[in-house]
């Protein structure tokens, strides 16, 4: 179902999944999937969700039975050592 391969984060040691985005970049994501709902008109999304096919969607985590889809949270958003991997300009 997904287009990714499992790996391990070099910084924190957690298992990650690599997803190729529609832009052709490999993105590390957490392995647990989350359900999401698209924001209503005028509402701001709280998360960036990476779908199994590599689309990055601005959405909110689903809290009820309603959902528009599922995907993964970028590991950059959850890794305690993410700052070490940011590119410097």
N, C-alpha and C. Protein backbone atom coordinates (compact mmCIF):
# COMPACT_ATOMS: atom_id res chain seq x y z
N UNK A 1 0.81 -1.19 0.00
CA UNK A 1 0.00 0.00 0.00
C UNK A 1 0.86 1.27 0.00
N UNK A 2 2.01 1.26 0.69
CA UNK A 2 2.83 2.45 0.67
C UNK A 2 3.99 2.25 -0.30
N UNK A 3 4.69 3.32 -0.57
CA UNK A 3 5.80 3.23 -1.51
C UNK A 3 7.13 3.27 -0.78
N UNK A 4 7.14 3.02 0.52
CA UNK A 4 8.33 3.26 1.32
C UNK A 4 9.09 2.02 1.75
N UNK A 5 10.24 2.32 2.33
CA UNK A 5 11.12 1.31 2.91
C UNK A 5 11.38 1.69 4.35
N UNK A 6 11.50 0.69 5.20
CA UNK A 6 11.79 0.96 6.60
C UNK A 6 13.27 1.26 6.78
N UNK A 7 13.55 2.07 7.79
CA UNK A 7 14.92 2.41 8.15
C UNK A 7 14.96 2.79 9.62
N UNK A 8 16.09 3.32 10.05
CA UNK A 8 16.27 3.76 11.42
C UNK A 8 16.82 5.17 11.41
N UNK A 9 16.26 6.04 12.24
CA UNK A 9 16.74 7.41 12.35
C UNK A 9 18.14 7.40 12.94
N UNK A 10 19.09 8.08 12.30
CA UNK A 10 20.46 8.13 12.78
C UNK A 10 20.59 8.87 14.09
N UNK A 11 19.66 9.77 14.37
CA UNK A 11 19.76 10.60 15.56
C UNK A 11 19.14 9.97 16.80
N UNK A 12 17.88 9.53 16.67
CA UNK A 12 17.17 9.07 17.86
C UNK A 12 17.02 7.55 17.92
N UNK A 13 17.32 6.86 16.81
CA UNK A 13 17.27 5.40 16.81
C UNK A 13 15.89 4.80 16.58
N UNK A 14 14.86 5.65 16.39
CA UNK A 14 13.52 5.13 16.16
C UNK A 14 13.38 4.59 14.74
N UNK A 15 12.50 3.62 14.57
CA UNK A 15 12.22 3.09 13.24
C UNK A 15 11.43 4.14 12.46
N UNK A 16 11.79 4.32 11.20
CA UNK A 16 11.10 5.27 10.32
C UNK A 16 10.74 4.57 9.03
N UNK A 17 9.93 5.23 8.26
CA UNK A 17 9.55 4.76 6.94
C UNK A 17 9.93 5.86 5.96
N UNK A 18 10.57 5.49 4.86
CA UNK A 18 10.92 6.47 3.83
C UNK A 18 9.83 6.45 2.77
N UNK A 19 9.24 7.62 2.52
CA UNK A 19 8.21 7.77 1.49
C UNK A 19 8.75 8.70 0.41
N UNK A 20 8.62 8.32 -0.83
CA UNK A 20 9.00 9.21 -1.94
C UNK A 20 7.81 10.12 -2.21
N UNK A 21 8.03 11.43 -2.08
CA UNK A 21 6.95 12.39 -2.29
C UNK A 21 6.68 12.55 -3.78
N UNK A 22 5.57 13.19 -4.09
CA UNK A 22 5.25 13.43 -5.49
C UNK A 22 6.25 14.38 -6.13
N UNK A 23 7.01 15.11 -5.31
CA UNK A 23 8.06 15.98 -5.82
C UNK A 23 9.36 15.21 -6.07
N UNK A 24 9.35 13.91 -5.78
CA UNK A 24 10.53 13.07 -6.04
C UNK A 24 11.54 13.03 -4.91
N UNK A 25 11.23 13.62 -3.77
CA UNK A 25 12.15 13.62 -2.62
C UNK A 25 11.79 12.47 -1.68
N UNK A 26 12.79 11.91 -1.02
CA UNK A 26 12.55 10.90 0.00
C UNK A 26 12.35 11.59 1.34
N UNK A 27 11.24 11.28 2.02
CA UNK A 27 10.93 11.92 3.29
C UNK A 27 10.80 10.86 4.38
N UNK A 28 11.49 11.06 5.51
CA UNK A 28 11.33 10.12 6.62
C UNK A 28 10.04 10.44 7.36
N UNK A 29 9.25 9.41 7.64
CA UNK A 29 7.99 9.60 8.38
C UNK A 29 7.95 8.58 9.51
N UNK A 30 7.14 8.90 10.53
CA UNK A 30 6.91 7.94 11.61
C UNK A 30 6.12 6.77 11.05
N UNK A 31 6.31 5.60 11.61
CA UNK A 31 5.71 4.38 11.05
C UNK A 31 4.22 4.23 11.35
N UNK A 32 3.73 4.88 12.39
CA UNK A 32 2.31 4.78 12.71
C UNK A 32 1.52 5.70 11.80
N UNK A 33 0.43 5.19 11.25
CA UNK A 33 -0.37 6.06 10.41
C UNK A 33 -1.40 6.79 11.26
N UNK A 34 -1.83 7.94 10.74
CA UNK A 34 -2.85 8.75 11.41
C UNK A 34 -3.99 9.02 10.42
N UNK A 35 -5.19 9.01 10.94
CA UNK A 35 -6.34 9.41 10.13
C UNK A 35 -6.40 10.92 10.09
N UNK A 36 -6.87 11.47 8.98
CA UNK A 36 -6.97 12.92 8.89
C UNK A 36 -8.29 13.35 8.26
N UNK A 37 -8.64 14.60 8.56
CA UNK A 37 -9.78 15.26 7.92
C UNK A 37 -9.28 16.55 7.32
N UNK A 38 -9.76 16.88 6.14
CA UNK A 38 -9.40 18.14 5.51
C UNK A 38 -10.12 19.27 6.23
N UNK A 39 -9.47 20.43 6.38
CA UNK A 39 -10.11 21.53 7.09
C UNK A 39 -11.30 22.08 6.30
N UNK A 40 -12.27 22.57 7.04
CA UNK A 40 -13.43 23.22 6.41
C UNK A 40 -12.99 24.58 5.88
N UNK A 41 -13.77 25.14 4.99
CA UNK A 41 -13.45 26.43 4.40
C UNK A 41 -13.25 27.48 5.50
N UNK A 42 -12.15 28.20 5.43
CA UNK A 42 -11.82 29.22 6.41
C UNK A 42 -11.09 28.70 7.64
N UNK A 43 -10.98 27.40 7.77
CA UNK A 43 -10.30 26.77 8.90
C UNK A 43 -8.84 26.49 8.53
N UNK A 44 -7.94 26.59 9.48
CA UNK A 44 -6.53 26.35 9.21
C UNK A 44 -6.15 24.94 9.63
N UNK A 45 -5.39 24.27 8.78
CA UNK A 45 -4.92 22.91 9.09
C UNK A 45 -3.82 22.97 10.14
N UNK A 46 -3.73 21.93 10.97
CA UNK A 46 -2.74 21.90 12.03
C UNK A 46 -1.57 20.97 11.74
N UNK A 47 -1.68 20.13 10.73
CA UNK A 47 -0.65 19.13 10.44
C UNK A 47 -0.33 19.08 8.95
N UNK A 48 0.86 18.61 8.65
CA UNK A 48 1.22 18.21 7.29
C UNK A 48 1.27 16.69 7.33
N UNK A 49 0.44 16.05 6.53
CA UNK A 49 0.34 14.60 6.49
C UNK A 49 0.90 14.12 5.16
N UNK A 50 1.71 13.07 5.19
CA UNK A 50 2.26 12.48 3.97
C UNK A 50 1.47 11.20 3.70
N UNK A 51 0.78 11.17 2.57
CA UNK A 51 -0.03 10.01 2.22
C UNK A 51 0.86 8.87 1.72
N UNK A 52 0.36 7.65 1.71
CA UNK A 52 1.17 6.53 1.23
C UNK A 52 1.69 6.70 -0.20
N UNK A 53 0.97 7.47 -1.03
CA UNK A 53 1.44 7.68 -2.41
C UNK A 53 2.34 8.90 -2.54
N UNK A 54 2.71 9.53 -1.41
CA UNK A 54 3.69 10.61 -1.42
C UNK A 54 3.13 12.01 -1.52
N UNK A 55 1.84 12.16 -1.47
CA UNK A 55 1.22 13.49 -1.50
C UNK A 55 1.30 14.11 -0.10
N UNK A 56 1.69 15.37 -0.02
CA UNK A 56 1.73 16.07 1.26
C UNK A 56 0.45 16.90 1.37
N UNK A 57 -0.33 16.63 2.43
CA UNK A 57 -1.65 17.22 2.60
C UNK A 57 -1.68 18.05 3.88
N UNK A 58 -2.22 19.26 3.81
CA UNK A 58 -2.46 20.06 5.01
C UNK A 58 -3.82 19.64 5.55
N UNK A 59 -3.83 19.11 6.77
CA UNK A 59 -5.06 18.55 7.33
C UNK A 59 -5.01 18.59 8.86
N UNK A 60 -6.07 18.10 9.47
CA UNK A 60 -6.16 17.95 10.91
C UNK A 60 -6.29 16.47 11.22
N UNK A 61 -5.78 16.07 12.37
CA UNK A 61 -5.95 14.67 12.76
C UNK A 61 -7.43 14.41 13.02
N UNK A 62 -7.90 13.28 12.56
CA UNK A 62 -9.29 12.91 12.78
C UNK A 62 -9.45 12.41 14.21
N UNK A 63 -10.50 12.85 14.87
CA UNK A 63 -10.72 12.43 16.25
C UNK A 63 -11.96 11.55 16.39
N UNK A 64 -12.79 11.54 15.39
CA UNK A 64 -14.01 10.72 15.44
C UNK A 64 -13.98 9.66 14.36
N UNK A 65 -15.13 9.24 13.97
CA UNK A 65 -15.21 8.22 12.92
C UNK A 65 -15.07 8.81 11.52
N UNK A 66 -15.27 10.13 11.40
CA UNK A 66 -15.10 10.77 10.10
C UNK A 66 -13.63 10.88 9.75
N UNK A 67 -13.31 10.59 8.51
CA UNK A 67 -11.95 10.81 8.04
C UNK A 67 -11.97 10.95 6.53
N UNK A 68 -11.01 11.72 6.05
CA UNK A 68 -10.88 11.89 4.61
C UNK A 68 -9.78 11.00 4.05
N UNK A 69 -8.95 10.48 4.92
CA UNK A 69 -7.86 9.62 4.49
C UNK A 69 -6.93 9.31 5.64
N UNK A 70 -5.80 8.70 5.30
CA UNK A 70 -4.78 8.45 6.32
C UNK A 70 -3.42 8.68 5.71
N UNK A 71 -2.46 8.88 6.58
CA UNK A 71 -1.10 9.11 6.14
C UNK A 71 -0.16 9.04 7.32
N UNK A 72 0.97 9.68 7.17
CA UNK A 72 2.03 9.61 8.17
C UNK A 72 2.49 11.01 8.52
N UNK A 73 3.01 11.15 9.74
CA UNK A 73 3.58 12.42 10.20
C UNK A 73 5.06 12.39 9.87
N UNK A 74 5.57 13.49 9.33
CA UNK A 74 6.99 13.59 9.02
C UNK A 74 7.82 13.37 10.29
N UNK A 75 8.85 12.58 10.18
CA UNK A 75 9.71 12.34 11.35
C UNK A 75 10.45 13.61 11.75
N UNK A 76 10.62 14.55 10.83
CA UNK A 76 11.24 15.83 11.18
C UNK A 76 10.42 16.57 12.24
N UNK A 77 9.11 16.34 12.26
CA UNK A 77 8.23 17.00 13.22
C UNK A 77 8.26 16.35 14.59
N UNK A 78 8.70 15.10 14.67
CA UNK A 78 8.64 14.38 15.95
C UNK A 78 10.00 13.98 16.51
N UNK A 79 11.05 14.01 15.72
CA UNK A 79 12.37 13.59 16.19
C UNK A 79 12.91 14.60 17.19
N UNK A 80 13.36 14.15 18.35
CA UNK A 80 13.91 15.09 19.33
C UNK A 80 15.21 15.75 18.87
N UNK A 81 15.85 15.18 17.85
CA UNK A 81 17.12 15.72 17.35
C UNK A 81 17.00 16.29 15.94
N UNK A 82 15.81 16.68 15.53
CA UNK A 82 15.58 17.14 14.16
C UNK A 82 16.44 18.34 13.78
N UNK A 83 16.75 19.21 14.72
CA UNK A 83 17.53 20.41 14.41
C UNK A 83 18.91 20.05 13.87
N UNK A 84 19.44 18.90 14.23
CA UNK A 84 20.77 18.48 13.75
C UNK A 84 20.77 18.22 12.25
N UNK A 85 19.61 17.96 11.69
CA UNK A 85 19.53 17.57 10.28
C UNK A 85 19.03 18.68 9.37
N UNK A 86 18.73 19.83 9.92
CA UNK A 86 18.27 20.93 9.08
C UNK A 86 19.45 21.49 8.29
N UNK A 87 19.17 21.82 7.06
CA UNK A 87 20.22 22.39 6.21
C UNK A 87 20.47 23.84 6.61
N UNK A 88 21.72 24.18 6.70
CA UNK A 88 22.08 25.56 7.04
C UNK A 88 22.22 26.35 5.75
N UNK A 89 21.78 27.60 5.79
CA UNK A 89 21.88 28.46 4.60
C UNK A 89 23.09 29.35 4.68
